[in-house]
C-alpha atoms as a PDB file:
ATOM      1  CA  MET A   1      12.179 -17.667 -42.064  1.00  0.00           C
ATOM      2  CA  ILE A   2      12.859 -20.045 -44.522  1.00  0.00           C
ATOM      3  CA  GLY A   3      13.069 -23.059 -43.310  1.00  0.00           C
ATOM      4  CA  MET A   4      11.893 -23.101 -39.664  1.00  0.00           C
ATOM      5  CA  ARG A   5       9.647 -25.554 -38.153  1.00  0.00           C
ATOM      6  CA  PHE A   6       6.687 -24.309 -36.840  1.00  0.00           C
ATOM      7  CA  ASN A   7       6.731 -25.014 -33.443  1.00  0.00           C
ATOM      8  CA  ASP A   8      10.125 -23.216 -33.551  1.00  0.00           C
ATOM      9  CA  PHE A   9       8.343 -20.282 -34.807  1.00  0.00           C
ATOM     10  CA  PHE A  10       6.162 -19.786 -32.078  1.00  0.00           C
ATOM     11  CA  ASP A  11       9.253 -20.242 -29.540  1.00  0.00           C
ATOM     12  CA  MET A  12       9.276 -16.366 -28.029  1.00  0.00           C
ATOM     13  CA  HIS A  13      12.757 -16.067 -28.717  1.00  0.00           C
ATOM     14  CA  ASN A  14      12.502 -17.241 -32.358  1.00  0.00           C
ATOM     15  CA  TRP A  15       9.563 -14.964 -32.456  1.00  0.00           C
ATOM     16  CA  VAL A  16      10.922 -11.777 -31.196  1.00  0.00           C
ATOM     17  CA  LYS A  17      14.007 -12.260 -33.424  1.00  0.00           C
ATOM     18  CA  TRP A  18      12.147 -12.480 -36.244  1.00  0.00           C
ATOM     19  CA  VAL A  19      10.250  -9.233 -35.370  1.00  0.00           C
ATOM     20  CA  LEU A  20      13.269  -7.526 -34.745  1.00  0.00           C
ATOM     21  CA  ASP A  21      15.159  -8.469 -37.848  1.00  0.00           C
ATOM     22  CA  VAL A  22      11.700  -7.339 -40.259  1.00  0.00           C
ATOM     23  CA  PHE A  23      10.674  -4.263 -38.579  1.00  0.00           C
ATOM     24  CA  PRO A  24      13.811  -3.123 -36.715  1.00  0.00           C
ATOM     25  CA  PRO A  25      13.213  -0.184 -34.062  1.00  0.00           C
ATOM     26  CA  THR A  26      14.256   3.117 -35.156  1.00  0.00           C
ATOM     27  CA  SER A  27      16.518   4.784 -33.789  1.00  0.00           C
ATOM     28  CA  GLN A  28      13.574   7.347 -31.976  1.00  0.00           C
ATOM     29  CA  GLU A  29      11.940   4.176 -30.617  1.00  0.00           C
ATOM     30  CA  ILE A  30      15.295   2.569 -28.958  1.00  0.00           C
ATOM     31  CA  LEU A  31      15.988   5.990 -27.288  1.00  0.00           C
ATOM     32  CA  ASN A  32      12.323   6.043 -25.618  1.00  0.00           C
ATOM     33  CA  MET A  33      12.380   2.575 -24.497  1.00  0.00           C
ATOM     34  CA  PRO A  34      12.676   2.400 -20.358  1.00  0.00           C
ATOM     35  CA  MET A  35      15.757   1.097 -19.245  1.00  0.00           C
ATOM     36  CA  THR A  36      16.066  -2.203 -17.094  1.00  0.00           C
ATOM     37  CA  ILE A  37      17.301  -2.159 -13.786  1.00  0.00           C
ATOM     38  CA  LYS A  38      20.288  -4.425 -14.636  1.00  0.00           C
ATOM     39  CA  GLN A  39      20.946  -1.669 -17.726  1.00  0.00           C
ATOM     40  CA  ILE A  40      20.551   1.410 -15.184  1.00  0.00           C
ATOM     41  CA  GLU A  41      23.076  -0.380 -12.606  1.00  0.00           C
ATOM     42  CA  SER A  42      25.503  -1.063 -15.763  1.00  0.00           C
ATOM     43  CA  GLU A  43      24.971   2.809 -16.903  1.00  0.00           C
ATOM     44  CA  ALA A  44      25.803   3.877 -13.284  1.00  0.00           C
ATOM     45  CA  LEU A  45      28.706   1.839 -12.577  1.00  0.00           C
ATOM     46  CA  ASN A  46      30.503   3.263 -15.731  1.00  0.00           C
ATOM     47  CA  LEU A  47      29.910   6.508 -14.306  1.00  0.00           C
ATOM     48  CA  ASP A  48      33.153   8.112 -12.641  1.00  0.00           C
ATOM     49  CA  ILE A  49      33.256   8.481  -8.842  1.00  0.00           C
ATOM     50  CA  HIS A  50      31.902  11.484  -8.208  1.00  0.00           C
ATOM     51  CA  SER A  51      28.890  11.820 -10.093  1.00  0.00           C
ATOM     52  CA  ARG A  52      27.884   8.182  -8.235  1.00  0.00           C
ATOM     53  CA  GLY A  53      27.792  10.024  -5.295  1.00  0.00           C
ATOM     54  CA  SER A  54      25.596  12.423  -6.588  1.00  0.00           C
ATOM     55  CA  LEU A  55      23.404   9.801  -8.002  1.00  0.00           C
ATOM     56  CA  VAL A  56      23.568   7.786  -4.686  1.00  0.00           C
ATOM     57  CA  GLY A  57      22.704  11.227  -2.705  1.00  0.00           C
ATOM     58  CA  LYS A  58      20.121  11.418  -4.809  1.00  0.00           C
ATOM     59  CA  LEU A  59      18.836   8.157  -5.024  1.00  0.00           C
ATOM     60  CA  LEU A  60      19.001   8.028  -0.682  1.00  0.00           C
ATOM     61  CA  LEU A  61      17.189  11.369  -0.540  1.00  0.00           C
ATOM     62  CA  SER A  62      14.415  10.097  -2.749  1.00  0.00           C
ATOM     63  CA  LEU A  63      13.323   6.744  -0.178  1.00  0.00           C
ATOM     64  CA  ASP A  64      12.605  10.153   2.559  1.00  0.00           C
ATOM     65  CA  GLU A  65      10.741  11.673  -0.177  1.00  0.00           C
ATOM     66  CA  PRO A  66       6.924  10.298  -1.078  1.00  0.00           C
ATOM     67  CA  THR A  67       5.612  11.159  -4.772  1.00  0.00           C
ATOM     68  CA  VAL A  68       3.166  14.096  -5.368  1.00  0.00           C
ATOM     69  CA  SER A  69       1.103  10.498  -6.585  1.00  0.00           C
ATOM     70  CA  GLU A  70       2.221   8.363  -3.363  1.00  0.00           C
ATOM     71  CA  VAL A  71       0.848  10.987  -1.017  1.00  0.00           C
ATOM     72  CA  GLU A  72      -2.196  11.464  -3.115  1.00  0.00           C
ATOM     73  CA  GLN A  73      -2.790   7.369  -2.928  1.00  0.00           C
ATOM     74  CA  LEU A  74      -2.047   7.904   1.596  1.00  0.00           C
ATOM     75  CA  TRP A  75      -4.083  10.781   1.387  1.00  0.00           C
ATOM     76  CA  LEU A  76      -7.169   8.421  -0.445  1.00  0.00           C
ATOM     77  CA  ASP A  77      -5.966   5.644   1.862  1.00  0.00           C
ATOM     78  CA  GLU A  78      -6.954   8.005   5.029  1.00  0.00           C
ATOM     79  CA  ALA A  79     -10.399   9.303   3.451  1.00  0.00           C
ATOM     80  CA  GLU A  80     -11.565   6.266   2.918  1.00  0.00           C
ATOM     81  CA  ARG A  81     -11.167   5.130   6.707  1.00  0.00           C
ATOM     82  CA  ARG A  82     -12.241   7.611   7.783  1.00  0.00           C
ATOM     83  CA  LEU A  83     -15.344   7.443   5.821  1.00  0.00           C
ATOM     84  CA  ASP A  84     -15.688   3.618   6.406  1.00  0.00           C
ATOM     85  CA  ASP A  85     -14.792   4.316  10.492  1.00  0.00           C
ATOM     86  CA  TYR A  86     -18.169   6.804  10.307  1.00  0.00           C
ATOM     87  CA  ARG A  87     -19.787   4.186   8.168  1.00  0.00           C
ATOM     88  CA  ALA A  88     -19.637   1.658  11.069  1.00  0.00           C
ATOM     89  CA  GLY A  89     -20.416   4.135  13.708  1.00  0.00           C
ATOM     90  CA  LYS A  90     -16.821   4.072  15.247  1.00  0.00           C
ATOM     91  CA  VAL A  91     -16.781   7.835  15.282  1.00  0.00           C
ATOM     92  CA  HIS A  92     -19.358  10.911  15.301  1.00  0.00           C
ATOM     93  CA  GLY A  93     -19.497  13.387  12.702  1.00  0.00           C
ATOM     94  CA  ILE A  94     -19.077  17.537  13.927  1.00  0.00           C
ATOM     95  CA  SER A  95     -21.445  20.138  12.621  1.00  0.00           C
ATOM     96  CA  GLY A  96     -19.926  22.706  10.162  1.00  0.00           C
ATOM     97  CA  ASN A  97     -21.199  25.069  12.826  1.00  0.00           C
ATOM     98  CA  GLU A  98     -19.642  23.410  15.720  1.00  0.00           C
ATOM     99  CA  VAL A  99     -15.632  22.920  13.856  1.00  0.00           C
ATOM    100  CA  PHE A 100     -15.773  26.562  13.213  1.00  0.00           C
ATOM    101  CA  LYS A 101     -17.196  27.591  16.819  1.00  0.00           C
ATOM    102  CA  ARG A 102     -14.264  25.233  18.422  1.00  0.00           C
ATOM    103  CA  ALA A 103     -11.545  26.898  15.340  1.00  0.00           C
ATOM    104  CA  ILE A 104     -12.498  30.586  16.389  1.00  0.00           C
ATOM    105  CA  SER A 105     -12.130  29.434  20.112  1.00  0.00           C
ATOM    106  CA  GLU A 106      -8.858  28.318  20.093  1.00  0.00           C
ATOM    107  CA  LEU A 107      -7.257  30.937  17.623  1.00  0.00           C
ATOM    108  CA  SER A 108      -8.741  33.593  19.997  1.00  0.00           C
END
């Protein structure tokens, strides 16, 4: 850091380099760092053909299956849409008694 100009210190690249030199991450911190897409791609391309094929299959299947949080968000969006429609008078509510009456009728 000695001999650095003031402007150089605030240059992001130099600042990050200085921080890493002064406070190097522990091996555990390095293991916990999230990988970038490029790092994942690089690691995946180093796999043998069978492992790559298995990974591709799992990735393709994952496109068809939404995560729990995605499903929850979809239901939340639907509930908000329905509430907005109800408040705007686009749809009308049905009493609980009528709902049960219809359900029993359809099940009988």
